[in-house]
Amino acid sequence: MITVARADVDRLLERHGIASTAIQGTDTQAAASGGRVATITASRPEDGSLMTVTIGETRAEGPIPLDETHARSMIDVLQSHQQLPAKDPSFDRMVIDLLLKISEMYVQSRAHSLVFESVHLHPASYHVGRVVMRCEAPLHVKPRRETNGNDRRVTFTQRHRTDQRFRE
């Protein structure tokens, strides 16, 4: 197994919309302490891919790829053991979205295991601590261009009227 470099993991987190301290302009540093501390694991045991959320002594599991129904049932398990606030719709939505994004990241990267070692959950935010990803082959994640970036040096001859195909 190969442990994926931190820079590549940060690029994947950003690509999947998971706020981490590496993303500029996030407020996750303020959320780095307190809240409920969870460990979120995605792995491939013998019977298929599985996501596990552990808070304290309570564990909730769901299949990967995770859908909204399974994510909701995982939250219900944690709420029934008083590990998460009971029925706070905005908090529930935030945690469900986070679990779905982690599931998508795990599936698309084809990782062998993905461990979010400390996720601090607060009423309106979360903080992702250390993330460890292991793959069977090296994972090369290229940085994306800026959201409004483009390559202005490219010339497409078919778009110019000087091309012979456009002359009549």
Protein backbone atom coordinates (compact mmCIF):
# COMPACT_ATOMS: atom_id res chain seq x y z
CA MET A 1 0.00 0.00 0.00
CA ILE A 2 1.14 3.52 -0.81
CA THR A 3 0.21 6.45 1.41
CA VAL A 4 -0.88 9.39 -0.75
CA ALA A 5 1.04 12.64 -0.22
CA ARG A 6 -0.65 15.38 1.81
CA ALA A 7 -0.59 17.82 -1.14
CA ASP A 8 -2.49 15.32 -3.32
CA VAL A 9 -5.02 14.66 -0.56
CA ASP A 10 -5.55 18.42 -0.16
CA ARG A 11 -6.16 18.75 -3.92
CA LEU A 12 -8.71 15.93 -3.76
CA LEU A 13 -10.46 17.52 -0.78
CA GLU A 14 -10.68 20.80 -2.66
CA ARG A 15 -11.88 19.09 -5.84
CA HIS A 16 -14.70 17.39 -3.92
CA GLY A 17 -15.71 20.52 -2.02
CA ILE A 18 -14.56 19.32 1.40
CA ALA A 19 -13.31 22.27 3.42
CA SER A 20 -9.86 21.72 4.84
CA THR A 21 -7.23 24.01 6.31
CA ALA A 22 -5.35 23.92 3.00
CA ILE A 23 -8.15 25.79 1.19
CA GLN A 24 -7.65 29.54 1.31
CA GLY A 25 -10.40 31.58 2.90
CA THR A 26 -11.96 28.82 4.98
CA ASP A 27 -12.95 29.29 8.59
CA THR A 28 -12.05 25.75 9.59
CA GLN A 29 -9.12 26.88 11.74
CA ALA A 30 -11.59 28.49 14.13
CA ALA A 31 -13.43 25.17 14.31
CA ALA A 32 -10.27 23.14 15.00
CA SER A 33 -11.18 22.62 18.63
CA GLY A 34 -14.33 21.65 20.46
CA GLY A 35 -17.45 20.20 18.95
CA ARG A 36 -18.02 16.49 18.52
CA VAL A 37 -14.89 14.72 17.31
CA ALA A 38 -15.59 12.01 14.76
CA THR A 39 -13.44 9.52 12.90
CA ILE A 40 -14.71 8.73 9.40
CA THR A 41 -13.30 5.69 7.64
CA ALA A 42 -13.91 4.33 4.16
CA SER A 43 -12.38 0.94 3.46
CA ARG A 44 -12.76 -2.31 1.54
CA PRO A 45 -13.35 -5.24 3.86
CA GLU A 46 -13.97 -8.65 2.26
CA ASP A 47 -17.72 -8.10 1.86
CA GLY A 48 -17.57 -4.75 -0.02
CA SER A 49 -16.76 -1.10 0.57
CA LEU A 50 -17.94 0.32 3.87
CA MET A 51 -18.05 3.76 5.51
CA THR A 52 -17.82 3.97 9.28
CA VAL A 53 -18.41 7.04 11.45
CA THR A 54 -17.20 6.72 15.03
CA ILE A 55 -17.94 9.27 17.77
CA GLY A 56 -16.90 8.20 21.24
CA GLU A 57 -17.84 4.53 21.57
CA THR A 58 -20.66 4.70 19.01
CA ARG A 59 -20.21 3.45 15.45
CA ALA A 60 -22.49 3.87 12.47
CA GLU A 61 -21.85 2.05 9.20
CA GLY A 62 -23.12 2.35 5.65
CA PRO A 63 -22.30 0.91 2.23
CA ILE A 64 -20.19 2.72 -0.34
CA PRO A 65 -21.17 4.35 -2.63
CA LEU A 66 -23.22 6.06 0.02
CA ASP A 67 -26.62 7.50 -0.82
CA GLU A 68 -28.65 10.04 1.11
CA THR A 69 -30.87 7.37 2.73
CA HIS A 70 -27.92 5.46 4.18
CA ALA A 71 -26.24 8.69 5.31
CA ARG A 72 -29.46 9.70 7.07
CA SER A 73 -29.67 6.31 8.82
CA MET A 74 -26.04 6.66 9.99
CA ILE A 75 -26.87 10.05 11.52
CA ASP A 76 -29.99 8.58 13.14
CA VAL A 77 -27.85 5.90 14.83
CA LEU A 78 -25.45 8.53 16.20
CA GLN A 79 -28.35 10.72 17.35
CA SER A 80 -30.06 7.81 19.10
CA HIS A 81 -26.89 7.36 21.20
CA GLN A 82 -26.76 11.12 21.95
CA GLN A 83 -23.53 11.57 20.02
CA LEU A 84 -25.03 14.22 17.69
CA PRO A 85 -27.63 16.94 18.32
CA ALA A 86 -31.15 15.61 17.89
CA LYS A 87 -33.00 16.64 14.76
CA ASP A 88 -31.27 19.88 13.83
CA PRO A 89 -32.07 20.07 10.08
CA SER A 90 -29.17 22.35 9.09
CA PHE A 91 -26.63 20.32 11.08
CA ASP A 92 -28.02 17.07 9.68
CA ARG A 93 -27.77 18.44 6.11
CA MET A 94 -24.16 19.54 6.69
CA VAL A 95 -23.12 16.10 7.99
CA ILE A 96 -25.02 14.25 5.24
CA ASP A 97 -23.33 16.41 2.58
CA LEU A 98 -19.92 15.76 4.15
CA LEU A 99 -20.49 11.99 4.20
CA LEU A 100 -21.67 12.00 0.57
CA LYS A 101 -18.63 14.01 -0.52
CA ILE A 102 -16.27 11.65 1.31
CA SER A 103 -17.97 8.67 -0.32
CA GLU A 104 -17.64 10.25 -3.77
CA MET A 105 -13.97 11.08 -3.15
CA TYR A 106 -13.29 7.50 -2.06
CA VAL A 107 -15.03 5.95 -5.08
CA GLN A 108 -13.52 8.28 -7.67
CA SER A 109 -9.98 7.97 -6.33
CA ARG A 110 -10.22 4.16 -6.16
CA ALA A 111 -8.42 4.26 -2.83
CA HIS A 112 -7.92 1.16 -0.73
CA SER A 113 -8.64 3.09 2.47
CA LEU A 114 -9.49 6.65 3.42
CA VAL A 115 -9.39 7.80 7.05
CA PHE A 116 -10.46 11.19 8.36
CA GLU A 117 -8.83 10.88 11.78
CA SER A 118 -10.38 13.88 13.49
CA VAL A 119 -13.39 15.73 12.17
CA HIS A 120 -14.66 18.37 14.61
CA LEU A 121 -18.41 18.79 14.07
CA HIS A 122 -19.95 22.09 15.18
CA PRO A 123 -23.55 23.35 14.73
CA ALA A 124 -22.68 25.41 11.65
CA SER A 125 -19.26 24.15 10.52
CA TYR A 126 -16.76 21.33 10.62
CA HIS A 127 -12.99 21.02 10.75
CA VAL A 128 -11.15 18.24 8.95
CA GLY A 129 -7.99 17.26 10.78
CA ARG A 130 -5.57 14.67 9.48
CA VAL A 131 -6.59 12.64 6.42
CA VAL A 132 -4.77 9.44 5.46
CA MET A 133 -5.39 7.86 2.06
CA ARG A 134 -3.84 4.59 0.97
CA CYS A 135 -3.87 3.33 -2.61
CA GLU A 136 -2.51 0.26 -4.32
CA ALA A 137 -0.82 2.35 -7.03
CA PRO A 138 0.61 5.87 -6.94
CA LEU A 139 -2.06 8.55 -7.22
CA HIS A 140 -1.12 11.61 -9.24
CA VAL A 141 -3.48 14.51 -8.74
CA LYS A 142 -2.77 17.48 -10.96
CA PRO A 143 -3.78 20.90 -9.69
CA ARG A 144 -6.76 22.39 -11.47
CA ARG A 145 -6.66 25.68 -13.25
CA GLU A 146 -8.28 28.68 -11.71
CA THR A 147 -12.05 28.61 -12.03
CA ASN A 148 -11.97 31.40 -14.61
CA GLY A 149 -8.63 30.45 -16.16
CA ASN A 150 -8.11 29.42 -19.73
CA ASP A 151 -5.23 28.98 -22.11
CA ARG A 152 -5.18 32.12 -24.22
CA ARG A 153 -2.27 30.92 -26.37
CA VAL A 154 -4.27 28.18 -28.08
CA THR A 155 -5.29 28.91 -31.68
CA PHE A 156 -8.13 27.05 -33.34
CA THR A 157 -7.73 27.36 -37.09
CA GLN A 158 -11.30 26.25 -37.77
CA ARG A 159 -12.54 29.42 -36.05
CA HIS A 160 -10.61 31.81 -38.28
CA ARG A 161 -12.02 33.02 -41.58
CA THR A 162 -8.55 32.83 -43.10
CA ASP A 163 -8.77 29.05 -43.13
CA GLN A 164 -9.40 27.69 -46.66
CA ARG A 165 -12.41 25.62 -45.57
CA PHE A 166 -14.40 28.80 -44.88
CA ARG A 167 -13.73 30.43 -48.24
CA GLU A 168 -16.34 30.17 -50.89
